[in-house]
Amino acid sequence: PPGVETVDGVTIRRFPAVISTPRAERA
């Protein structure tokens, strides 16, 4: 899930990964 949590003193901020292309050109 996106958002902020703290684990053992480390603040973790997660952001959504985005894939908005078919990645055919990359291939």
PDB file of all heavy atoms in Angstrom:
ATOM      1  N   PRO A   1       0.838  -1.214   0.000  1.00  0.00           N
ATOM      2  CA  PRO A   1       0.000   0.000   0.000  1.00  0.00           C
ATOM      3  C   PRO A   1       0.866   1.254   0.000  1.00  0.00           C
ATOM      4  O   PRO A   1       1.927   1.294   0.632  1.00  0.00           O
ATOM      5  CB  PRO A   1      -0.790  -0.114   1.306  1.00  0.00           C
ATOM      6  CG  PRO A   1       0.038  -0.986   2.191  1.00  0.00           C
ATOM      7  CD  PRO A   1       0.737  -1.951   1.277  1.00  0.00           C
ATOM      8  N   PRO A   2       0.421   2.308  -0.700  1.00  0.00           N
ATOM      9  CA  PRO A   2       1.159   3.566  -0.652  1.00  0.00           C
ATOM     10  C   PRO A   2       0.990   4.220   0.715  1.00  0.00           C
ATOM     11  O   PRO A   2       0.052   3.927   1.459  1.00  0.00           O
ATOM     12  CB  PRO A   2       0.505   4.398  -1.756  1.00  0.00           C
ATOM     13  CG  PRO A   2      -0.885   3.864  -1.855  1.00  0.00           C
ATOM     14  CD  PRO A   2      -0.782   2.394  -1.560  1.00  0.00           C
ATOM     15  N   GLY A   3       1.937   5.094   1.047  1.00  0.00           N
ATOM     16  CA  GLY A   3       1.834   5.797   2.311  1.00  0.00           C
ATOM     17  C   GLY A   3       3.108   5.709   3.121  1.00  0.00           C
ATOM     18  O   GLY A   3       4.171   5.357   2.596  1.00  0.00           O
ATOM     19  N   VAL A   4       2.991   6.031   4.406  1.00  0.00           N
ATOM     20  CA  VAL A   4       4.155   6.145   5.284  1.00  0.00           C
ATOM     21  C   VAL A   4       4.019   5.194   6.463  1.00  0.00           C
ATOM     22  O   VAL A   4       2.939   5.068   7.047  1.00  0.00           O
ATOM     23  CB  VAL A   4       4.305   7.590   5.810  1.00  0.00           C
ATOM     24  CG1 VAL A   4       5.566   7.729   6.665  1.00  0.00           C
ATOM     25  CG2 VAL A   4       4.333   8.586   4.660  1.00  0.00           C
ATOM     26  N   GLU A   5       5.088   4.488   6.774  1.00  0.00           N
ATOM     27  CA  GLU A   5       5.139   3.654   7.974  1.00  0.00           C
ATOM     28  C   GLU A   5       6.547   3.721   8.552  1.00  0.00           C
ATOM     29  O   GLU A   5       7.497   4.083   7.862  1.00  0.00           O
ATOM     30  CB  GLU A   5       4.767   2.202   7.667  1.00  0.00           C
ATOM     31  CG  GLU A   5       5.719   1.497   6.717  1.00  0.00           C
ATOM     32  CD  GLU A   5       5.383   0.031   6.526  1.00  0.00           C
ATOM     33  OE1 GLU A   5       4.819  -0.577   7.453  1.00  0.00           O
ATOM     34  OE2 GLU A   5       5.689  -0.506   5.440  1.00  0.00           O
ATOM     35  N   THR A   6       6.642   3.384   9.827  1.00  0.00           N
ATOM     36  CA  THR A   6       7.943   3.357  10.486  1.00  0.00           C
ATOM     37  C   THR A   6       8.229   1.940  10.944  1.00  0.00           C
ATOM     38  O   THR A   6       7.398   1.320  11.628  1.00  0.00           O
ATOM     39  CB  THR A   6       7.982   4.312  11.681  1.00  0.00           C
ATOM     40  OG1 THR A   6       7.725   5.648  11.225  1.00  0.00           O
ATOM     41  CG2 THR A   6       9.351   4.284  12.355  1.00  0.00           C
ATOM     42  N   VAL A   7       9.381   1.422  10.542  1.00  0.00           N
ATOM     43  CA  VAL A   7       9.795   0.067  10.906  1.00  0.00           C
ATOM     44  C   VAL A   7      11.177   0.148  11.541  1.00  0.00           C
ATOM     45  O   VAL A   7      12.147   0.556  10.890  1.00  0.00           O
ATOM     46  CB  VAL A   7       9.821  -0.865   9.676  1.00  0.00           C
ATOM     47  CG1 VAL A   7      10.322  -2.251  10.075  1.00  0.00           C
ATOM     48  CG2 VAL A   7       8.450  -0.953   9.040  1.00  0.00           C
ATOM     49  N   ASP A   8      11.270  -0.224  12.806  1.00  0.00           N
ATOM     50  CA  ASP A   8      12.554  -0.235  13.527  1.00  0.00           C
ATOM     51  C   ASP A   8      13.316   1.074  13.376  1.00  0.00           C
ATOM     52  O   ASP A   8      14.525   1.096  13.139  1.00  0.00           O
ATOM     53  CB  ASP A   8      13.424  -1.408  13.046  1.00  0.00           C
ATOM     54  CG  ASP A   8      12.786  -2.759  13.353  1.00  0.00           C
ATOM     55  OD1 ASP A   8      12.040  -2.854  14.344  1.00  0.00           O
ATOM     56  OD2 ASP A   8      13.036  -3.716  12.592  1.00  0.00           O
ATOM     57  N   GLY A   9      12.590   2.168  13.486  1.00  0.00           N
ATOM     58  CA  GLY A   9      13.227   3.478  13.452  1.00  0.00           C
ATOM     59  C   GLY A   9      13.460   4.048  12.072  1.00  0.00           C
ATOM     60  O   GLY A   9      13.951   5.173  11.940  1.00  0.00           O
ATOM     61  N   VAL A  10      13.114   3.319  11.022  1.00  0.00           N
ATOM     62  CA  VAL A  10      13.268   3.794   9.647  1.00  0.00           C
ATOM     63  C   VAL A  10      11.901   4.199   9.107  1.00  0.00           C
ATOM     64  O   VAL A  10      10.938   3.422   9.172  1.00  0.00           O
ATOM     65  CB  VAL A  10      13.886   2.704   8.744  1.00  0.00           C
ATOM     66  CG1 VAL A  10      13.921   3.162   7.287  1.00  0.00           C
ATOM     67  CG2 VAL A  10      15.285   2.356   9.227  1.00  0.00           C
ATOM     68  N   THR A  11      11.800   5.411   8.580  1.00  0.00           N
ATOM     69  CA  THR A  11      10.555   5.888   7.977  1.00  0.00           C
ATOM     70  C   THR A  11      10.513   5.461   6.513  1.00  0.00           C
ATOM     71  O   THR A  11      11.411   5.806   5.737  1.00  0.00           O
ATOM     72  CB  THR A  11      10.452   7.422   8.069  1.00  0.00           C
ATOM     73  OG1 THR A  11      10.494   7.810   9.447  1.00  0.00           O
ATOM     74  CG2 THR A  11       9.155   7.917   7.446  1.00  0.00           C
ATOM     75  N   ILE A  12       9.476   4.712   6.152  1.00  0.00           N
ATOM     76  CA  ILE A  12       9.354   4.185   4.793  1.00  0.00           C
ATOM     77  C   ILE A  12       8.203   4.893   4.094  1.00  0.00           C
ATOM     78  O   ILE A  12       7.062   4.864   4.571  1.00  0.00           O
ATOM     79  CB  ILE A  12       9.099   2.665   4.815  1.00  0.00           C
ATOM     80  CG1 ILE A  12      10.217   1.959   5.593  1.00  0.00           C
ATOM     81  CG2 ILE A  12       9.005   2.119   3.391  1.00  0.00           C
ATOM     82  CD1 ILE A  12       9.887   0.526   5.937  1.00  0.00           C
ATOM     83  N   ARG A  13       8.498   5.549   2.996  1.00  0.00           N
ATOM     84  CA  ARG A  13       7.482   6.214   2.170  1.00  0.00           C
ATOM     85  C   ARG A  13       7.375   5.464   0.848  1.00  0.00           C
ATOM     86  O   ARG A  13       8.354   5.357   0.116  1.00  0.00           O
ATOM     87  CB  ARG A  13       7.858   7.675   1.899  1.00  0.00           C
ATOM     88  CG  ARG A  13       7.902   8.541   3.150  1.00  0.00           C
ATOM     89  CD  ARG A  13       8.277   9.988   2.817  1.00  0.00           C
ATOM     90  NE  ARG A  13       8.300  10.809   4.009  1.00  0.00           N
ATOM     91  CZ  ARG A  13       7.248  11.461   4.504  1.00  0.00           C
ATOM     92  NH1 ARG A  13       6.091  11.397   3.860  1.00  0.00           N
ATOM     93  NH2 ARG A  13       7.373  12.185   5.599  1.00  0.00           N
ATOM     94  N   ARG A  14       6.193   4.964   0.573  1.00  0.00           N
ATOM     95  CA  ARG A  14       5.971   4.206  -0.666  1.00  0.00           C
ATOM     96  C   ARG A  14       5.109   5.019  -1.628  1.00  0.00           C
ATOM     97  O   ARG A  14       4.103   5.616  -1.235  1.00  0.00           O
ATOM     98  CB  ARG A  14       5.290   2.872  -0.371  1.00  0.00           C
ATOM     99  CG  ARG A  14       6.154   1.903   0.421  1.00  0.00           C
ATOM    100  CD  ARG A  14       5.496   0.527   0.492  1.00  0.00           C
ATOM    101  NE  ARG A  14       6.264  -0.387   1.319  1.00  0.00           N
ATOM    102  CZ  ARG A  14       7.302  -1.108   0.899  1.00  0.00           C
ATOM    103  NH1 ARG A  14       7.684  -1.001  -0.368  1.00  0.00           N
ATOM    104  NH2 ARG A  14       7.938  -1.918   1.726  1.00  0.00           N
ATOM    105  N   PHE A  15       5.512   4.971  -2.909  1.00  0.00           N
ATOM    106  CA  PHE A  15       4.818   5.688  -3.970  1.00  0.00           C
ATOM    107  C   PHE A  15       4.442   4.698  -5.072  1.00  0.00           C
ATOM    108  O   PHE A  15       5.208   3.770  -5.368  1.00  0.00           O
ATOM    109  CB  PHE A  15       5.711   6.781  -4.544  1.00  0.00           C
ATOM    110  CG  PHE A  15       6.215   7.763  -3.521  1.00  0.00           C
ATOM    111  CD1 PHE A  15       7.391   7.510  -2.812  1.00  0.00           C
ATOM    112  CD2 PHE A  15       5.520   8.924  -3.257  1.00  0.00           C
ATOM    113  CE1 PHE A  15       7.868   8.406  -1.870  1.00  0.00           C
ATOM    114  CE2 PHE A  15       5.987   9.842  -2.320  1.00  0.00           C
ATOM    115  CZ  PHE A  15       7.166   9.577  -1.613  1.00  0.00           C
ATOM    116  N   PRO A  16       3.289   4.867  -5.707  1.00  0.00           N
ATOM    117  CA  PRO A  16       2.862   3.911  -6.746  1.00  0.00           C
ATOM    118  C   PRO A  16       3.822   3.893  -7.936  1.00  0.00           C
ATOM    119  O   PRO A  16       4.249   4.940  -8.430  1.00  0.00           O
ATOM    120  CB  PRO A  16       1.479   4.416  -7.160  1.00  0.00           C
ATOM    121  CG  PRO A  16       1.008   5.262  -6.018  1.00  0.00           C
ATOM    122  CD  PRO A  16       2.252   5.888  -5.442  1.00  0.00           C
ATOM    123  N   ALA A  17       4.151   2.698  -8.377  1.00  0.00           N
ATOM    124  CA  ALA A  17       4.874   2.529  -9.638  1.00  0.00           C
ATOM    125  C   ALA A  17       3.885   2.687 -10.781  1.00  0.00           C
ATOM    126  O   ALA A  17       2.735   2.236 -10.696  1.00  0.00           O
ATOM    127  CB  ALA A  17       5.523   1.154  -9.693  1.00  0.00           C
ATOM    128  N   VAL A  18       4.316   3.335 -11.857  1.00  0.00           N
ATOM    129  CA  VAL A  18       3.438   3.623 -12.987  1.00  0.00           C
ATOM    130  C   VAL A  18       4.031   3.023 -14.258  1.00  0.00           C
ATOM    131  O   VAL A  18       5.193   3.286 -14.587  1.00  0.00           O
ATOM    132  CB  VAL A  18       3.238   5.139 -13.160  1.00  0.00           C
ATOM    133  CG1 VAL A  18       2.431   5.433 -14.422  1.00  0.00           C
ATOM    134  CG2 VAL A  18       2.561   5.738 -11.936  1.00  0.00           C
ATOM    135  N   ILE A  19       3.223   2.220 -14.938  1.00  0.00           N
ATOM    136  CA  ILE A  19       3.573   1.769 -16.290  1.00  0.00           C
ATOM    137  C   ILE A  19       2.404   2.149 -17.181  1.00  0.00           C
ATOM    138  O   ILE A  19       1.319   1.561 -17.109  1.00  0.00           O
ATOM    139  CB  ILE A  19       3.832   0.257 -16.347  1.00  0.00           C
ATOM    140  CG1 ILE A  19       5.088  -0.091 -15.550  1.00  0.00           C
ATOM    141  CG2 ILE A  19       4.003  -0.197 -17.799  1.00  0.00           C
ATOM    142  CD1 ILE A  19       5.452  -1.554 -15.574  1.00  0.00           C
ATOM    143  N   SER A  20       2.592   3.162 -18.003  1.00  0.00           N
ATOM    144  CA  SER A  20       1.503   3.695 -18.820  1.00  0.00           C
ATOM    145  C   SER A  20       1.732   3.460 -20.304  1.00  0.00           C
ATOM    146  O   SER A  20       1.032   4.025 -21.140  1.00  0.00           O
ATOM    147  CB  SER A  20       1.337   5.195 -18.550  1.00  0.00           C
ATOM    148  OG  SER A  20       2.545   5.884 -18.807  1.00  0.00           O
ATOM    149  N   THR A  21       2.707   2.630 -20.637  1.00  0.00           N
ATOM    150  CA  THR A  21       3.010   2.327 -22.039  1.00  0.00           C
ATOM    151  C   THR A  21       3.050   0.812 -22.213  1.00  0.00           C
ATOM    152  O   THR A  21       3.215   0.064 -21.238  1.00  0.00           O
ATOM    153  CB  THR A  21       4.373   2.915 -22.445  1.00  0.00           C
ATOM    154  OG1 THR A  21       5.399   2.263 -21.692  1.00  0.00           O
ATOM    155  CG2 THR A  21       4.425   4.412 -22.182  1.00  0.00           C
ATOM    156  N   PRO A  22       2.921   0.319 -23.435  1.00  0.00           N
ATOM    157  CA  PRO A  22       2.971  -1.138 -23.654  1.00  0.00           C
ATOM    158  C   PRO A  22       4.381  -1.717 -23.564  1.00  0.00           C
ATOM    159  O   PRO A  22       4.549  -2.930 -23.594  1.00  0.00           O
ATOM    160  CB  PRO A  22       2.403  -1.297 -25.062  1.00  0.00           C
ATOM    161  CG  PRO A  22       2.656   0.014 -25.731  1.00  0.00           C
ATOM    162  CD  PRO A  22       2.522   1.047 -24.657  1.00  0.00           C
ATOM    163  N   ARG A  23       5.395  -0.886 -23.503  1.00  0.00           N
ATOM    164  CA  ARG A  23       6.799  -1.289 -23.406  1.00  0.00           C
ATOM    165  C   ARG A  23       7.292  -2.038 -24.649  1.00  0.00           C
ATOM    166  O   ARG A  23       8.333  -2.702 -24.610  1.00  0.00           O
ATOM    167  CB  ARG A  23       7.054  -2.110 -22.148  1.00  0.00           C
ATOM    168  CG  ARG A  23       6.824  -1.320 -20.873  1.00  0.00           C
ATOM    169  CD  ARG A  23       7.393  -2.006 -19.658  1.00  0.00           C
ATOM    170  NE  ARG A  23       6.517  -3.064 -19.175  1.00  0.00           N
ATOM    171  CZ  ARG A  23       6.765  -3.774 -18.080  1.00  0.00           C
ATOM    172  NH1 ARG A  23       7.844  -3.554 -17.365  1.00  0.00           N
ATOM    173  NH2 ARG A  23       5.937  -4.708 -17.688  1.00  0.00           N
ATOM    174  N   ALA A  24       6.544  -1.921 -25.740  1.00  0.00           N
ATOM    175  CA  ALA A  24       6.969  -2.575 -26.982  1.00  0.00           C
ATOM    176  C   ALA A  24       8.180  -1.872 -27.581  1.00  0.00           C
ATOM    177  O   ALA A  24       9.100  -2.505 -28.102  1.00  0.00           O
ATOM    178  CB  ALA A  24       5.814  -2.582 -27.983  1.00  0.00           C
ATOM    179  N   GLU A  25       8.184  -0.546 -27.514  1.00  0.00           N
ATOM    180  CA  GLU A  25       9.323   0.201 -28.045  1.00  0.00           C
ATOM    181  C   GLU A  25      10.582  -0.125 -27.237  1.00  0.00           C
ATOM    182  O   GLU A  25      11.672  -0.278 -27.800  1.00  0.00           O
ATOM    183  CB  GLU A  25       9.037   1.698 -27.997  1.00  0.00           C
ATOM    184  CG  GLU A  25      10.119   2.537 -28.653  1.00  0.00           C
ATOM    185  CD  GLU A  25       9.770   4.017 -28.697  1.00  0.00           C
ATOM    186  OE1 GLU A  25       9.099   4.508 -27.764  1.00  0.00           O
ATOM    187  OE2 GLU A  25      10.188   4.682 -29.658  1.00  0.00           O
ATOM    188  N   ARG A  26      10.435  -0.251 -25.932  1.00  0.00           N
ATOM    189  CA  ARG A  26      11.584  -0.589 -25.091  1.00  0.00           C
ATOM    190  C   ARG A  26      12.170  -1.936 -25.512  1.00  0.00           C
ATOM    191  O   ARG A  26      13.388  -2.092 -25.590  1.00  0.00           O
ATOM    192  CB  ARG A  26      11.165  -0.635 -23.624  1.00  0.00           C
ATOM    193  CG  ARG A  26      12.307  -1.025 -22.679  1.00  0.00           C
ATOM    194  CD  ARG A  26      11.834  -1.065 -21.226  1.00  0.00           C
ATOM    195  NE  ARG A  26      12.874  -1.535 -20.334  1.00  0.00           N
ATOM    196  CZ  ARG A  26      13.803  -0.778 -19.765  1.00  0.00           C
ATOM    197  NH1 ARG A  26      13.828   0.514 -20.033  1.00  0.00           N
ATOM    198  NH2 ARG A  26      14.700  -1.293 -18.948  1.00  0.00           N
ATOM    199  N   ALA A  27      11.296  -2.905 -25.773  1.00  0.00           N
ATOM    200  CA  ALA A  27      11.779  -4.225 -26.165  1.00  0.00           C
ATOM    201  C   ALA A  27      12.578  -4.155 -27.462  1.00  0.00           C
ATOM    202  O   ALA A  27      13.622  -4.800 -27.601  1.00  0.00           O
ATOM    203  CB  ALA A  27      10.606  -5.185 -26.310  1.00  0.00           C
TER     204      ALA A  27
END
